[in-house]
Structure formats: C-alpha cells, structure tokens
C-alpha cells in the first residue's frame, strides 16, 4: 500500500485529517516511537566532570585581545558566497 506522510501543527488539523480519512477510506497511523536506550539514571554519575558544577565564568575573557568580528566570522565561514 502506498504511503504519504503529512506533517501538521495542531490537534485540530489532525482531527480534520482523520475525518477526511474516514470519508475516503484511508488509514491514519501514528508513527512508531523509537525507544531510546537511556542508560544514565538520575543518580548516575555524569560523564563530563564540568557538568557537575558548571561555572560559565570560567569562559569569561576567552576572546579578549583577539581581533574577532561578526563580519570576519561570516567572511571566513562563507567566503565570497554572501
């Protein structure tokens, strides 16, 4: 049987799709959810030591005295494609 994927934003749209499906004898199925293998529990140790006590102030000043501008970053990333 051929399949079509329809993406929708609201529950109302889904209901309309289901109503139309009944009229045209279509089948509406929910996608099968993938079960993620989440081995990290709430009490498990975090794999990154920094994440235990994050301190964003450690990153303060990493760009100090560097000649970095937004225009320069764009030029470096995009070259002449802009």
Protein backbone atom coordinates (compact mmCIF):
# COMPACT_ATOMS: atom_id res chain seq x y z
CA UNK A 1 0.00 0.00 0.00
CA UNK A 2 1.44 3.45 -0.89
CA UNK A 3 2.14 5.80 1.98
CA UNK A 4 2.06 9.56 2.40
CA UNK A 5 3.48 11.46 5.36
CA UNK A 6 1.52 14.54 6.43
CA UNK A 7 3.01 16.95 8.95
CA UNK A 8 0.60 19.07 10.95
CA UNK A 9 0.87 21.71 13.65
CA UNK A 10 -2.28 21.41 15.71
CA UNK A 11 -4.61 18.79 17.13
CA UNK A 12 -7.45 20.35 15.11
CA UNK A 13 -5.60 19.64 11.88
CA UNK A 14 -5.09 16.03 12.91
CA UNK A 15 -8.79 15.67 13.64
CA UNK A 16 -9.68 17.06 10.21
CA UNK A 17 -7.23 14.65 8.58
CA UNK A 18 -8.81 11.75 10.46
CA UNK A 19 -12.30 12.84 9.39
CA UNK A 20 -11.24 13.07 5.75
CA UNK A 21 -9.54 9.68 6.03
CA UNK A 22 -12.83 8.07 7.10
CA UNK A 23 -14.59 9.60 4.09
CA UNK A 24 -12.01 8.33 1.60
CA UNK A 25 -11.36 5.04 3.40
CA UNK A 26 -7.76 5.96 4.28
CA UNK A 27 -5.85 4.65 7.28
CA UNK A 28 -4.25 7.14 9.68
CA UNK A 29 -1.46 5.67 11.80
CA UNK A 30 0.74 7.22 14.41
CA UNK A 31 4.45 6.83 13.73
CA UNK A 32 6.15 4.13 15.71
CA UNK A 33 8.16 5.65 18.50
CA UNK A 34 11.75 4.66 18.89
CA UNK A 35 12.72 3.55 22.35
CA UNK A 36 15.89 5.30 23.38
CA UNK A 37 18.36 3.39 25.43
CA UNK A 38 18.86 5.85 28.26
CA UNK A 39 21.48 4.27 30.49
CA UNK A 40 22.06 7.40 32.53
CA UNK A 41 19.74 7.49 35.50
CA UNK A 42 19.13 10.40 37.83
CA UNK A 43 21.60 9.01 40.34
CA UNK A 44 24.24 8.02 37.78
CA UNK A 45 27.48 9.95 37.57
CA UNK A 46 27.64 12.49 34.78
CA UNK A 47 30.12 11.60 32.04
CA UNK A 48 31.51 15.14 31.95
CA UNK A 49 33.09 16.44 35.13
CA UNK A 50 32.46 20.09 34.16
CA UNK A 51 28.71 19.43 34.07
CA UNK A 52 28.62 18.54 37.78
CA UNK A 53 29.31 22.12 38.85
CA UNK A 54 29.03 24.30 35.76
CA UNK A 55 30.80 27.63 36.05
CA UNK A 56 30.33 29.78 32.97
CA UNK A 57 32.59 32.44 34.41
CA UNK A 58 35.49 30.14 33.54
CA UNK A 59 34.83 31.08 29.92
CA UNK A 60 34.96 34.82 30.58
CA UNK A 61 37.60 36.58 28.54
CA UNK A 62 38.45 33.76 26.14
CA UNK A 63 38.12 36.18 23.19
CA UNK A 64 39.87 39.06 24.96
CA UNK A 65 42.55 40.81 22.89
CA UNK A 66 41.59 38.82 19.78
CA UNK A 67 40.67 40.52 16.54
CA UNK A 68 37.33 38.74 16.02
CA UNK A 69 34.32 40.45 14.50
CA UNK A 70 30.99 39.19 13.27
CA UNK A 71 31.81 40.33 9.75
CA UNK A 72 35.14 38.49 9.91
CA UNK A 73 33.49 35.27 11.08
CA UNK A 74 30.94 35.49 8.28
CA UNK A 75 33.67 36.10 5.71
CA UNK A 76 35.67 33.16 6.99
CA UNK A 77 32.65 30.84 7.03
CA UNK A 78 31.00 31.89 3.77
CA UNK A 79 33.86 33.36 1.77
CA UNK A 80 32.58 35.07 -1.38
CA UNK A 81 29.26 33.21 -1.32
CA UNK A 82 27.47 36.02 0.55
